[in-house]
Amino acid sequence: MQPTITCGKQLAEHANLAGSVFNDVNLSGSAFENVNLSKTRMHDINLSDLDLSAAQIGGATFKHIGPPPNKEGKQERQRPVTFEEAMLCDSTFRKVDLSNVKIIDCDVTGMTIDGVLVTDLIAAHKHQQK
């Protein structure tokens, strides 16, 4: 496939770019509205300061999230990420660093941590505080 887009700002409206390949491309500051990215594969992508709204992510996989390891193989902490008004029911978080995470005004019915219901943990904590 030969490159067909030159450098500089581009406008694609009502275009079908299915099956396109973008390699070593800078799209910072771009705007995507009413775009179908289903079944898209992205690797080594910088999404810092990305703002997603009205997004459907059912079936999506997020893996190896965070800054790349340094020369010593250690991964620096990244800036916090915010999830608001999101539906993540039935999702799985595996081997995720949740240190200092705040869960506020969330429905945790059926949510478990290492097999223990969070609602039971909260109830036990409240009982102990009495």
C-alpha atoms as a PDB file:
ATOM      1  CA  MET A   1       0.000   0.000   0.000  1.00  0.00           C
ATOM      2  CA  GLN A   2       1.513   3.330  -1.054  1.00  0.00           C
ATOM      3  CA  PRO A   3       1.199   6.431   1.163  1.00  0.00           C
ATOM      4  CA  THR A   4      -1.462   8.808  -0.184  1.00  0.00           C
ATOM      5  CA  ILE A   5      -1.708  11.464   2.541  1.00  0.00           C
ATOM      6  CA  THR A   6       0.839  14.233   2.527  1.00  0.00           C
ATOM      7  CA  CYS A   7       2.015  16.164   5.567  1.00  0.00           C
ATOM      8  CA  GLY A   8      -0.092  18.993   6.933  1.00  0.00           C
ATOM      9  CA  LYS A   9      -3.667  19.268   8.093  1.00  0.00           C
ATOM     10  CA  GLN A  10      -6.114  16.920   6.418  1.00  0.00           C
ATOM     11  CA  LEU A  11      -9.913  16.859   6.331  1.00  0.00           C
ATOM     12  CA  ALA A  12     -11.791  13.602   5.890  1.00  0.00           C
ATOM     13  CA  GLU A  13     -15.571  13.953   5.839  1.00  0.00           C
ATOM     14  CA  HIS A  14     -18.032  11.190   5.047  1.00  0.00           C
ATOM     15  CA  ALA A  15     -15.039   9.004   4.156  1.00  0.00           C
ATOM     16  CA  ASN A  16     -14.662   5.244   4.396  1.00  0.00           C
ATOM     17  CA  LEU A  17     -11.077   4.597   5.484  1.00  0.00           C
ATOM     18  CA  ALA A  18     -11.707   1.021   6.655  1.00  0.00           C
ATOM     19  CA  GLY A  19      -8.566  -1.113   6.456  1.00  0.00           C
ATOM     20  CA  SER A  20      -6.250   1.904   6.378  1.00  0.00           C
ATOM     21  CA  VAL A  21      -2.817   1.732   8.009  1.00  0.00           C
ATOM     22  CA  PHE A  22      -1.324   4.605   9.999  1.00  0.00           C
ATOM     23  CA  ASN A  23       2.328   4.135  10.942  1.00  0.00           C
ATOM     24  CA  ASP A  24       4.549   6.744  12.607  1.00  0.00           C
ATOM     25  CA  VAL A  25       1.771   9.348  12.358  1.00  0.00           C
ATOM     26  CA  ASN A  26       1.261  12.413  14.569  1.00  0.00           C
ATOM     27  CA  LEU A  27      -2.453  13.031  15.135  1.00  0.00           C
ATOM     28  CA  SER A  28      -2.073  15.222  18.242  1.00  0.00           C
ATOM     29  CA  GLY A  29      -4.718  17.903  18.492  1.00  0.00           C
ATOM     30  CA  SER A  30      -6.965  16.103  16.004  1.00  0.00           C
ATOM     31  CA  ALA A  31     -10.721  15.867  16.443  1.00  0.00           C
ATOM     32  CA  PHE A  32     -12.738  12.740  15.753  1.00  0.00           C
ATOM     33  CA  GLU A  33     -16.540  12.982  15.751  1.00  0.00           C
ATOM     34  CA  ASN A  34     -18.983  10.232  14.866  1.00  0.00           C
ATOM     35  CA  VAL A  35     -16.098   7.857  14.059  1.00  0.00           C
ATOM     36  CA  ASN A  36     -16.268   4.056  14.049  1.00  0.00           C
ATOM     37  CA  LEU A  37     -13.058   2.564  15.462  1.00  0.00           C
ATOM     38  CA  SER A  38     -14.520  -0.858  16.252  1.00  0.00           C
ATOM     39  CA  LYS A  39     -12.084  -3.752  15.829  1.00  0.00           C
ATOM     40  CA  THR A  40      -9.233  -1.251  15.504  1.00  0.00           C
ATOM     41  CA  ARG A  41      -5.854  -2.378  16.860  1.00  0.00           C
ATOM     42  CA  MET A  42      -3.608   0.247  18.406  1.00  0.00           C
ATOM     43  CA  HIS A  43      -0.125  -0.413  19.794  1.00  0.00           C
ATOM     44  CA  ASP A  44       2.444   1.956  21.290  1.00  0.00           C
ATOM     45  CA  ILE A  45      -0.062   4.814  21.337  1.00  0.00           C
ATOM     46  CA  ASN A  46       0.257   8.004  23.398  1.00  0.00           C
ATOM     47  CA  LEU A  47      -3.238   8.884  24.603  1.00  0.00           C
ATOM     48  CA  SER A  48      -2.144  11.384  27.272  1.00  0.00           C
ATOM     49  CA  ASP A  49      -4.782  14.035  27.931  1.00  0.00           C
ATOM     50  CA  LEU A  50      -7.227  12.169  25.669  1.00  0.00           C
ATOM     51  CA  ASP A  51     -10.842  13.173  26.269  1.00  0.00           C
ATOM     52  CA  LEU A  52     -13.380  10.488  25.348  1.00  0.00           C
ATOM     53  CA  SER A  53     -17.082  11.137  25.720  1.00  0.00           C
ATOM     54  CA  ALA A  54     -20.147   9.274  24.527  1.00  0.00           C
ATOM     55  CA  ALA A  55     -17.860   6.332  23.751  1.00  0.00           C
ATOM     56  CA  GLN A  56     -18.860   2.678  23.525  1.00  0.00           C
ATOM     57  CA  ILE A  57     -16.054   0.424  24.762  1.00  0.00           C
ATOM     58  CA  GLY A  58     -17.856  -2.902  25.166  1.00  0.00           C
ATOM     59  CA  GLY A  59     -15.459  -5.742  24.416  1.00  0.00           C
ATOM     60  CA  ALA A  60     -12.432  -3.422  24.457  1.00  0.00           C
ATOM     61  CA  THR A  61      -9.170  -4.569  26.030  1.00  0.00           C
ATOM     62  CA  PHE A  62      -6.758  -2.176  27.706  1.00  0.00           C
ATOM     63  CA  LYS A  63      -3.396  -3.820  28.350  1.00  0.00           C
ATOM     64  CA  HIS A  64       0.060  -2.587  29.347  1.00  0.00           C
ATOM     65  CA  ILE A  65      -1.283   0.851  30.283  1.00  0.00           C
ATOM     66  CA  GLY A  66       1.140   3.436  31.633  1.00  0.00           C
ATOM     67  CA  PRO A  67       4.545   4.850  30.810  1.00  0.00           C
ATOM     68  CA  PRO A  68       7.118   2.510  29.304  1.00  0.00           C
ATOM     69  CA  PRO A  69       9.714   1.019  31.659  1.00  0.00           C
ATOM     70  CA  ASN A  70      12.926   3.013  32.117  1.00  0.00           C
ATOM     71  CA  LYS A  71      16.434   1.596  31.538  1.00  0.00           C
ATOM     72  CA  GLU A  72      16.264  -0.219  34.890  1.00  0.00           C
ATOM     73  CA  GLY A  73      12.951  -1.832  33.903  1.00  0.00           C
ATOM     74  CA  LYS A  74      10.925   0.198  36.403  1.00  0.00           C
ATOM     75  CA  GLN A  75       7.728   1.916  35.359  1.00  0.00           C
ATOM     76  CA  GLU A  76       7.230   5.466  36.599  1.00  0.00           C
ATOM     77  CA  ARG A  77       3.838   6.474  37.982  1.00  0.00           C
ATOM     78  CA  GLN A  78       1.613   8.136  35.440  1.00  0.00           C
ATOM     79  CA  ARG A  79      -0.741  11.029  36.006  1.00  0.00           C
ATOM     80  CA  PRO A  80      -4.164  10.014  37.344  1.00  0.00           C
ATOM     81  CA  VAL A  81      -6.949   8.842  35.064  1.00  0.00           C
ATOM     82  CA  THR A  82     -10.597   9.751  35.684  1.00  0.00           C
ATOM     83  CA  PHE A  83     -13.641   7.622  34.896  1.00  0.00           C
ATOM     84  CA  GLU A  84     -16.941   9.482  35.307  1.00  0.00           C
ATOM     85  CA  GLU A  85     -20.459   8.291  34.612  1.00  0.00           C
ATOM     86  CA  ALA A  86     -19.067   5.037  33.191  1.00  0.00           C
ATOM     87  CA  MET A  87     -20.679   1.628  33.022  1.00  0.00           C
ATOM     88  CA  LEU A  88     -17.983  -0.915  33.824  1.00  0.00           C
ATOM     89  CA  CYS A  89     -20.267  -3.625  35.221  1.00  0.00           C
ATOM     90  CA  ASP A  90     -19.098  -7.215  34.721  1.00  0.00           C
ATOM     91  CA  SER A  91     -15.588  -5.936  33.916  1.00  0.00           C
ATOM     92  CA  THR A  92     -12.396  -7.524  35.223  1.00  0.00           C
ATOM     93  CA  PHE A  93      -9.339  -5.705  36.520  1.00  0.00           C
ATOM     94  CA  ARG A  94      -6.375  -8.109  36.728  1.00  0.00           C
ATOM     95  CA  LYS A  95      -2.886  -7.186  37.926  1.00  0.00           C
ATOM     96  CA  VAL A  96      -3.863  -3.498  38.072  1.00  0.00           C
ATOM     97  CA  ASP A  97      -2.148  -1.011  40.389  1.00  0.00           C
ATOM     98  CA  LEU A  98      -5.078   0.598  42.181  1.00  0.00           C
ATOM     99  CA  SER A  99      -3.021   2.262  44.913  1.00  0.00           C
ATOM    100  CA  ASN A 100      -4.590   5.504  46.130  1.00  0.00           C
ATOM    101  CA  VAL A 101      -7.687   4.934  43.949  1.00  0.00           C
ATOM    102  CA  LYS A 102     -10.830   6.685  45.178  1.00  0.00           C
ATOM    103  CA  ILE A 103     -14.202   5.071  44.513  1.00  0.00           C
ATOM    104  CA  ILE A 104     -16.907   7.644  45.234  1.00  0.00           C
ATOM    105  CA  ASP A 105     -20.694   7.335  44.895  1.00  0.00           C
ATOM    106  CA  CYS A 106     -20.383   4.095  42.892  1.00  0.00           C
ATOM    107  CA  ASP A 107     -22.642   1.035  42.786  1.00  0.00           C
ATOM    108  CA  VAL A 108     -20.396  -1.773  44.042  1.00  0.00           C
ATOM    109  CA  THR A 109     -23.138  -4.410  44.303  1.00  0.00           C
ATOM    110  CA  GLY A 110     -21.560  -7.784  43.563  1.00  0.00           C
ATOM    111  CA  MET A 111     -18.061  -6.271  43.273  1.00  0.00           C
ATOM    112  CA  THR A 112     -15.381  -8.450  44.841  1.00  0.00           C
ATOM    113  CA  ILE A 113     -11.765  -7.945  45.746  1.00  0.00           C
ATOM    114  CA  ASP A 114      -9.882 -11.229  45.836  1.00  0.00           C
ATOM    115  CA  GLY A 115     -13.223 -13.036  46.204  1.00  0.00           C
ATOM    116  CA  VAL A 116     -14.549 -10.862  49.079  1.00  0.00           C
ATOM    117  CA  LEU A 117     -17.663  -8.782  48.471  1.00  0.00           C
ATOM    118  CA  VAL A 118     -16.872  -5.083  48.771  1.00  0.00           C
ATOM    119  CA  THR A 119     -20.300  -4.465  50.324  1.00  0.00           C
ATOM    120  CA  ASP A 120     -19.373  -6.921  53.102  1.00  0.00           C
ATOM    121  CA  LEU A 121     -16.056  -5.121  53.640  1.00  0.00           C
ATOM    122  CA  ILE A 122     -17.819  -1.761  53.884  1.00  0.00           C
ATOM    123  CA  ALA A 123     -20.442  -3.163  56.271  1.00  0.00           C
ATOM    124  CA  ALA A 124     -17.750  -4.687  58.497  1.00  0.00           C
ATOM    125  CA  HIS A 125     -15.841  -1.396  58.487  1.00  0.00           C
ATOM    126  CA  LYS A 126     -18.967   0.590  59.446  1.00  0.00           C
ATOM    127  CA  HIS A 127     -19.760  -1.924  62.209  1.00  0.00           C
ATOM    128  CA  GLN A 128     -16.216  -1.652  63.563  1.00  0.00           C
ATOM    129  CA  GLN A 129     -16.446   2.156  63.593  1.00  0.00           C
ATOM    130  CA  LYS A 130     -19.430   2.032  66.006  1.00  0.00           C
END
